[in-house]
Amino acid sequence: MSVIADAHDATTITVRQPQPEHLLRGHLLLATDGTASADGAAGLVAESCRRGAAQVSVLAVFEPAPMPVPSADPSLAAMTTMSGDTALRDEFFARVERQAERCFAGCPRVEIERVEGSPVRAIVEAAATMDADLIVTGLRVHSLMDRLVGDETALRVTRATDRPVFAVAPSLTQLPRRAVVGIDFSKASMRAAAVAAGLLATGGTLTLLHALPRFDATAVSEDGTDLPFARGVTAALDSLRASLAASHPDITVAIERRDGEAAEAVMNYAIAAKADFVAVGRHRRSAIAHAVLGSVATTLLRKAKLSVLVMPPVDSD
């Protein structure tokens, strides 16, 4: 099926309550462009399909060239652009077909929905229409030019959707065994921990990591509250660890504390621990707050060297 989508990104978010556990067994929406950067995402969804995922949908979004080819003759320029877009579109969808045939071998046939328009808007709208439990996309290292032209699809999808998003690195094609969750004790980060636990294979390890920014660490040390603060954090982490361990007896749950910026602490620890992915909760903030404070999820997705799971906020947060 071919659907023509609007060329502008979705700007409104309708928040829903996501299923907190076992998302890989639910309705998975794989958004892929057929390139090597999406091989991990396709492989992971295919593996989930073989293990009995409730439903798998594959979405391929071709984005037409935004500007016509320069020419002295406007009509010729338009014809050249249309001809070029047709060839590129055909190759794009053929590449996605080849990836699906390769990755989904042994699975029931999965239909590919072909869409033209804005990838971000198409993915967000498809996830809402299908009531997908999890959006799975590829993840690639972004250059400064990608940011300038807005080519950060996974990041922009997480900002526009109310669904969990799993941006999967090419190296992750099987069920993950090690995960690190950034815990700031927000409800979104708690859900991220629960979901991450459900994504792990039997025998896997989940590490709950809390990072205290250095300026906060200095402040609590100077006013003499560092010891009770540390005890409170440790007690809260222990409580969360015990709860997750009880509900997921087939995995190991560990806790870690670090001083420093959260995204950096999470990513550095995850790389050192050879984790398969990191997970964080996304906070609901205004545009000004994003500009001033930034976002852990944004930093992780822009600098990620391994897969990133982002849980959205909900009304009760």
Protein backbone atom coordinates (compact mmCIF):
# COMPACT_ATOMS: atom_id res chain seq x y z
CA MET A 1 0.00 0.00 0.00
CA SER A 2 1.23 3.48 -0.85
CA VAL A 3 0.35 6.46 1.29
CA ILE A 4 1.24 10.07 0.57
CA ALA A 5 2.15 11.87 3.79
CA ASP A 6 2.36 15.57 4.48
CA ALA A 7 5.88 17.01 4.12
CA HIS A 8 5.79 18.70 7.54
CA ASP A 9 6.57 16.99 10.83
CA ALA A 10 3.88 16.37 13.41
CA THR A 11 3.85 19.10 16.02
CA THR A 12 1.27 17.86 18.51
CA ILE A 13 1.59 14.98 20.93
CA THR A 14 -1.31 12.93 22.25
CA VAL A 15 0.07 11.18 25.30
CA ARG A 16 -1.00 7.59 26.02
CA GLN A 17 -0.12 5.14 28.74
CA PRO A 18 2.36 2.67 27.20
CA GLN A 19 2.50 -0.94 28.25
CA PRO A 20 5.32 -1.05 30.80
CA GLU A 21 6.46 -4.64 30.24
CA HIS A 22 7.43 -7.00 27.45
CA LEU A 23 7.15 -4.57 24.56
CA LEU A 24 8.95 -6.95 22.20
CA ARG A 25 5.93 -9.27 22.53
CA GLY A 26 3.46 -6.57 21.54
CA HIS A 27 2.79 -4.67 18.32
CA LEU A 28 6.13 -3.60 16.86
CA LEU A 29 6.45 -0.91 14.23
CA LEU A 30 9.76 -1.19 12.34
CA ALA A 31 10.61 2.04 10.52
CA THR A 32 13.43 1.33 8.07
CA ASP A 33 15.16 2.84 5.07
CA GLY A 34 16.80 -0.45 4.11
CA THR A 35 20.35 0.76 4.79
CA ALA A 36 22.98 -0.95 6.93
CA SER A 37 22.18 1.45 9.80
CA ALA A 38 18.75 -0.22 10.06
CA ASP A 39 20.02 -3.81 9.87
CA GLY A 40 20.10 -4.11 13.66
CA ALA A 41 16.55 -2.80 14.01
CA ALA A 42 15.26 -5.15 11.30
CA GLY A 43 17.15 -8.11 12.76
CA LEU A 44 15.86 -7.47 16.28
CA VAL A 45 12.24 -7.16 15.13
CA ALA A 46 12.63 -10.31 13.02
CA GLU A 47 14.01 -12.19 16.03
CA SER A 48 11.05 -10.97 18.10
CA CYS A 49 8.74 -12.15 15.31
CA ARG A 50 10.27 -15.62 15.46
CA ARG A 51 9.77 -15.62 19.23
CA GLY A 52 6.10 -14.82 18.96
CA ALA A 53 5.65 -11.04 18.82
CA ALA A 54 1.94 -10.30 18.70
CA GLN A 55 2.19 -8.24 15.52
CA VAL A 56 4.90 -6.75 13.32
CA SER A 57 4.43 -3.83 10.92
CA VAL A 58 7.14 -2.53 8.59
CA LEU A 59 7.10 1.05 7.39
CA ALA A 60 9.34 2.47 4.67
CA VAL A 61 9.15 6.23 4.11
CA PHE A 62 10.66 7.77 0.99
CA GLU A 63 11.29 11.49 1.31
CA PRO A 64 11.27 13.25 -2.10
CA ALA A 65 14.00 15.74 -2.91
CA PRO A 66 13.07 19.08 -1.30
CA MET A 67 14.46 21.21 -4.17
CA PRO A 68 14.29 20.83 -7.95
CA VAL A 69 17.40 20.32 -10.07
CA PRO A 70 18.62 23.77 -11.29
CA SER A 71 17.80 24.45 -14.94
CA ALA A 72 17.19 27.43 -17.22
CA ASP A 73 13.92 25.82 -18.25
CA PRO A 74 11.54 25.50 -15.24
CA SER A 75 9.45 22.79 -16.94
CA LEU A 76 12.59 20.79 -17.72
CA ALA A 77 13.77 21.19 -14.13
CA ALA A 78 10.46 19.81 -12.85
CA MET A 79 10.58 16.87 -15.26
CA THR A 80 14.19 16.11 -14.28
CA THR A 81 13.29 16.19 -10.59
CA MET A 82 10.29 13.90 -11.09
CA SER A 83 12.35 11.47 -13.13
CA GLY A 84 15.12 11.49 -10.54
CA ASP A 85 12.65 11.01 -7.68
CA THR A 86 11.02 8.07 -9.46
CA ALA A 87 14.35 6.29 -9.90
CA LEU A 88 15.41 7.03 -6.33
CA ARG A 89 12.03 5.95 -4.96
CA ASP A 90 12.13 2.65 -6.83
CA GLU A 91 15.63 1.93 -5.57
CA PHE A 92 14.69 2.96 -2.04
CA PHE A 93 11.77 0.55 -1.81
CA ALA A 94 13.73 -2.20 -3.55
CA ARG A 95 16.46 -1.82 -0.92
CA VAL A 96 13.90 -2.13 1.87
CA GLU A 97 12.45 -5.26 0.21
CA ARG A 98 15.90 -6.85 0.04
CA GLN A 99 16.55 -6.08 3.71
CA ALA A 100 13.18 -7.54 4.75
CA GLU A 101 13.75 -10.71 2.71
CA ARG A 102 17.19 -11.13 4.30
CA CYS A 103 16.27 -10.34 7.90
CA PHE A 104 12.81 -11.91 8.07
CA ALA A 105 13.77 -15.25 6.56
CA GLY A 106 11.84 -17.97 8.37
CA CYS A 107 9.12 -15.56 9.58
CA PRO A 108 5.57 -15.29 8.29
CA ARG A 109 5.47 -12.86 5.39
CA VAL A 110 5.51 -9.25 6.59
CA GLU A 111 3.90 -6.63 4.37
CA ILE A 112 5.79 -3.38 3.88
CA GLU A 113 3.79 -0.16 3.98
CA ARG A 114 5.29 2.27 1.47
CA VAL A 115 4.93 5.94 2.28
CA GLU A 116 6.12 9.14 0.63
CA GLY A 117 6.62 12.35 2.59
CA SER A 118 8.10 13.34 5.92
CA PRO A 119 9.61 10.27 7.67
CA VAL A 120 8.99 11.71 11.15
CA ARG A 121 5.35 12.56 10.56
CA ALA A 122 4.69 9.27 8.75
CA ILE A 123 6.24 7.19 11.55
CA VAL A 124 4.41 9.06 14.32
CA GLU A 125 1.05 8.87 12.53
CA ALA A 126 1.48 5.20 11.61
CA ALA A 127 2.33 4.31 15.21
CA ALA A 128 -0.80 6.09 16.44
CA THR A 129 -3.05 4.59 13.75
CA MET A 130 -1.75 1.07 14.34
CA ASP A 131 -1.66 1.55 18.13
CA ALA A 132 1.89 0.22 18.10
CA ASP A 133 3.44 -0.63 21.47
CA LEU A 134 7.01 0.13 20.36
CA ILE A 135 8.62 2.01 17.49
CA VAL A 136 11.89 0.43 16.37
CA THR A 137 14.25 2.43 14.17
CA GLY A 138 17.84 2.23 13.03
CA LEU A 139 20.55 4.29 14.69
CA ARG A 140 23.55 5.87 13.06
CA VAL A 141 26.20 8.32 14.19
CA HIS A 142 25.15 11.83 13.17
CA SER A 143 27.45 14.50 11.83
CA LEU A 144 27.09 18.24 12.35
CA MET A 145 25.63 18.46 8.84
CA ASP A 146 22.90 15.98 9.78
CA ARG A 147 21.89 18.30 12.62
CA LEU A 148 21.95 21.38 10.41
CA VAL A 149 19.66 19.82 7.79
CA GLY A 150 17.50 18.10 10.38
CA ASP A 151 18.43 14.53 9.42
CA GLU A 152 18.07 13.05 12.92
CA THR A 153 15.02 10.91 12.38
CA ALA A 154 15.20 8.77 15.55
CA LEU A 155 15.66 11.83 17.75
CA ARG A 156 12.83 13.77 16.12
CA VAL A 157 10.50 10.79 16.36
CA THR A 158 11.08 10.49 20.12
CA ARG A 159 10.13 14.16 20.52
CA ALA A 160 6.94 13.87 18.45
CA THR A 161 5.48 10.53 19.55
CA ASP A 162 3.79 9.25 22.68
CA ARG A 163 5.19 5.75 22.08
CA PRO A 164 8.42 4.21 23.36
CA VAL A 165 11.17 4.38 20.74
CA PHE A 166 14.01 1.87 20.45
CA ALA A 167 16.80 3.24 18.24
CA VAL A 168 18.83 0.12 17.48
CA ALA A 169 22.50 0.12 16.47
CA PRO A 170 23.50 -2.17 13.56
CA SER A 171 25.42 -4.46 15.91
CA LEU A 172 22.33 -5.49 17.93
CA THR A 173 20.43 -8.14 15.98
CA GLN A 174 19.58 -10.60 18.79
CA LEU A 175 17.74 -10.18 22.06
CA PRO A 176 19.91 -7.93 24.26
CA ARG A 177 21.66 -9.36 27.32
CA ARG A 178 23.04 -6.22 29.03
CA ALA A 179 21.31 -2.91 29.59
CA VAL A 180 22.01 0.27 31.55
CA VAL A 181 19.16 2.51 32.67
CA GLY A 182 19.61 6.13 33.65
CA ILE A 183 17.59 6.56 36.86
CA ASP A 184 16.63 10.05 38.03
CA PHE A 185 13.63 8.72 40.00
CA SER A 186 11.14 10.29 37.61
CA LYS A 187 8.20 8.09 36.65
CA ALA A 188 9.47 7.96 33.07
CA SER A 189 12.85 6.60 34.19
CA MET A 190 11.09 4.00 36.37
CA ARG A 191 9.09 2.85 33.35
CA ALA A 192 12.29 2.76 31.31
CA ALA A 193 13.78 0.39 33.89
CA ALA A 194 10.72 -1.88 33.80
CA VAL A 195 10.67 -1.97 30.01
CA ALA A 196 14.43 -2.56 29.76
CA ALA A 197 14.11 -5.51 32.14
CA GLY A 198 11.44 -7.01 29.90
CA LEU A 199 13.59 -6.61 26.78
CA LEU A 200 16.51 -8.64 28.14
CA ALA A 201 17.14 -12.27 27.29
CA THR A 202 17.14 -14.86 30.07
CA GLY A 203 20.34 -14.56 32.09
CA GLY A 204 20.79 -10.91 31.16
CA THR A 205 21.99 -8.09 33.41
CA LEU A 206 20.20 -4.81 34.07
CA THR A 207 22.17 -1.99 35.72
CA LEU A 208 20.33 0.92 37.33
CA LEU A 209 22.62 3.95 37.27
CA HIS A 210 22.00 7.21 39.07
CA ALA A 211 24.24 10.17 38.22
CA LEU A 212 24.52 13.22 40.48
CA PRO A 213 25.67 16.34 38.59
CA ARG A 214 28.97 17.67 39.93
CA PHE A 215 27.53 21.02 41.01
CA ASP A 216 24.88 19.17 43.04
CA ALA A 217 27.53 16.87 44.52
CA THR A 218 29.58 19.88 45.60
CA ALA A 219 26.56 21.61 47.14
CA VAL A 220 25.44 18.64 49.23
CA SER A 221 29.02 18.08 50.37
CA GLU A 222 29.48 21.68 51.50
CA ASP A 223 26.25 21.85 53.49
CA GLY A 224 26.85 18.50 55.18
CA THR A 225 23.94 16.66 53.57
CA ASP A 226 26.08 14.43 51.36
CA LEU A 227 25.89 11.37 53.62
CA PRO A 228 22.10 11.35 54.20
CA PHE A 229 21.59 12.23 50.53
CA ALA A 230 23.75 9.30 49.45
CA ARG A 231 21.92 7.01 51.84
CA GLY A 232 18.58 8.14 50.45
CA VAL A 233 19.66 7.53 46.86
CA THR A 234 21.10 4.14 47.73
CA ALA A 235 17.92 3.15 49.57
CA ALA A 236 15.76 4.23 46.62
CA LEU A 237 17.95 2.32 44.15
CA ASP A 238 17.90 -0.75 46.37
CA SER A 239 14.11 -0.61 46.54
CA LEU A 240 13.82 -0.36 42.76
CA ARG A 241 16.37 -3.14 42.29
CA ALA A 242 14.46 -5.45 44.64
CA SER A 243 11.16 -4.75 42.88
CA LEU A 244 12.59 -5.44 39.42
CA ALA A 245 14.46 -8.54 40.59
CA ALA A 246 11.24 -9.93 42.07
CA SER A 247 9.26 -9.37 38.86
CA HIS A 248 12.11 -10.57 36.61
CA PRO A 249 13.78 -13.49 38.40
CA ASP A 250 15.47 -14.65 35.18
CA ILE A 251 17.82 -11.63 35.04
CA THR A 252 20.36 -9.99 37.36
CA VAL A 253 19.64 -6.44 38.54
CA ALA A 254 22.55 -4.30 39.76
CA ILE A 255 22.88 -0.67 40.89
CA GLU A 256 25.59 1.94 40.28
CA ARG A 257 26.10 5.55 41.38
CA ARG A 258 28.21 8.14 39.59
CA ASP A 259 28.98 11.84 39.90
CA GLY A 260 28.76 13.86 36.71
CA GLU A 261 26.46 14.71 33.83
CA ALA A 262 23.83 12.01 33.40
CA ALA A 263 24.10 11.27 29.68
CA GLU A 264 27.88 11.10 29.82
CA ALA A 265 27.85 8.91 32.94
CA VAL A 266 25.30 6.50 31.48
CA MET A 267 27.02 6.19 28.11
CA ASN A 268 30.55 5.85 29.54
CA TYR A 269 29.48 3.15 31.97
CA ALA A 270 27.46 1.32 29.30
CA ILE A 271 30.39 1.26 26.90
CA ALA A 272 32.79 0.06 29.61
CA ALA A 273 30.30 -2.65 30.64
CA LYS A 274 29.79 -3.66 27.00
CA ALA A 275 26.04 -3.10 27.32
CA ASP A 276 23.75 -3.77 24.38
CA PHE A 277 21.61 -0.71 25.00
CA VAL A 278 20.89 2.18 27.35
CA ALA A 279 17.42 3.29 28.45
CA VAL A 280 16.14 6.62 29.73
CA GLY A 281 12.87 8.37 30.39
CA ARG A 282 12.01 11.53 28.46
CA HIS A 283 10.73 14.51 30.46
CA ARG A 284 8.00 16.86 29.31
CA ARG A 285 9.66 20.27 28.94
CA SER A 286 8.99 23.52 27.18
CA ALA A 287 11.08 24.61 24.22
CA ILE A 288 12.91 27.11 26.46
CA ALA A 289 13.72 24.43 29.02
CA HIS A 290 15.07 22.18 26.27
CA ALA A 291 17.24 24.99 24.97
CA VAL A 292 18.62 25.86 28.42
CA LEU A 293 18.81 22.48 30.12
CA GLY A 294 19.12 20.14 27.17
CA SER A 295 17.96 16.54 27.39
CA VAL A 296 19.63 13.30 28.41
CA ALA A 297 17.69 11.45 25.69
CA THR A 298 18.78 14.00 23.07
CA THR A 299 22.43 13.75 24.07
CA LEU A 300 22.37 9.96 24.08
CA LEU A 301 20.75 9.74 20.66
CA ARG A 302 23.15 12.26 19.14
CA LYS A 303 26.30 10.74 20.63
CA ALA A 304 25.21 7.12 20.93
CA LYS A 305 27.60 4.34 20.05
CA LEU A 306 25.07 1.72 21.10
CA SER A 307 21.29 1.28 21.04
CA VAL A 308 19.02 3.68 22.95
CA LEU A 309 15.54 3.08 24.37
CA VAL A 310 13.52 6.21 25.18
CA MET A 311 10.33 6.10 27.23
CA PRO A 312 7.90 9.03 26.81
CA PRO A 313 6.22 10.96 29.61
CA VAL A 314 2.56 10.39 30.40
CA ASP A 315 -0.18 12.60 31.86
CA SER A 316 0.47 11.52 35.44
CA ASP A 317 4.17 12.48 35.32
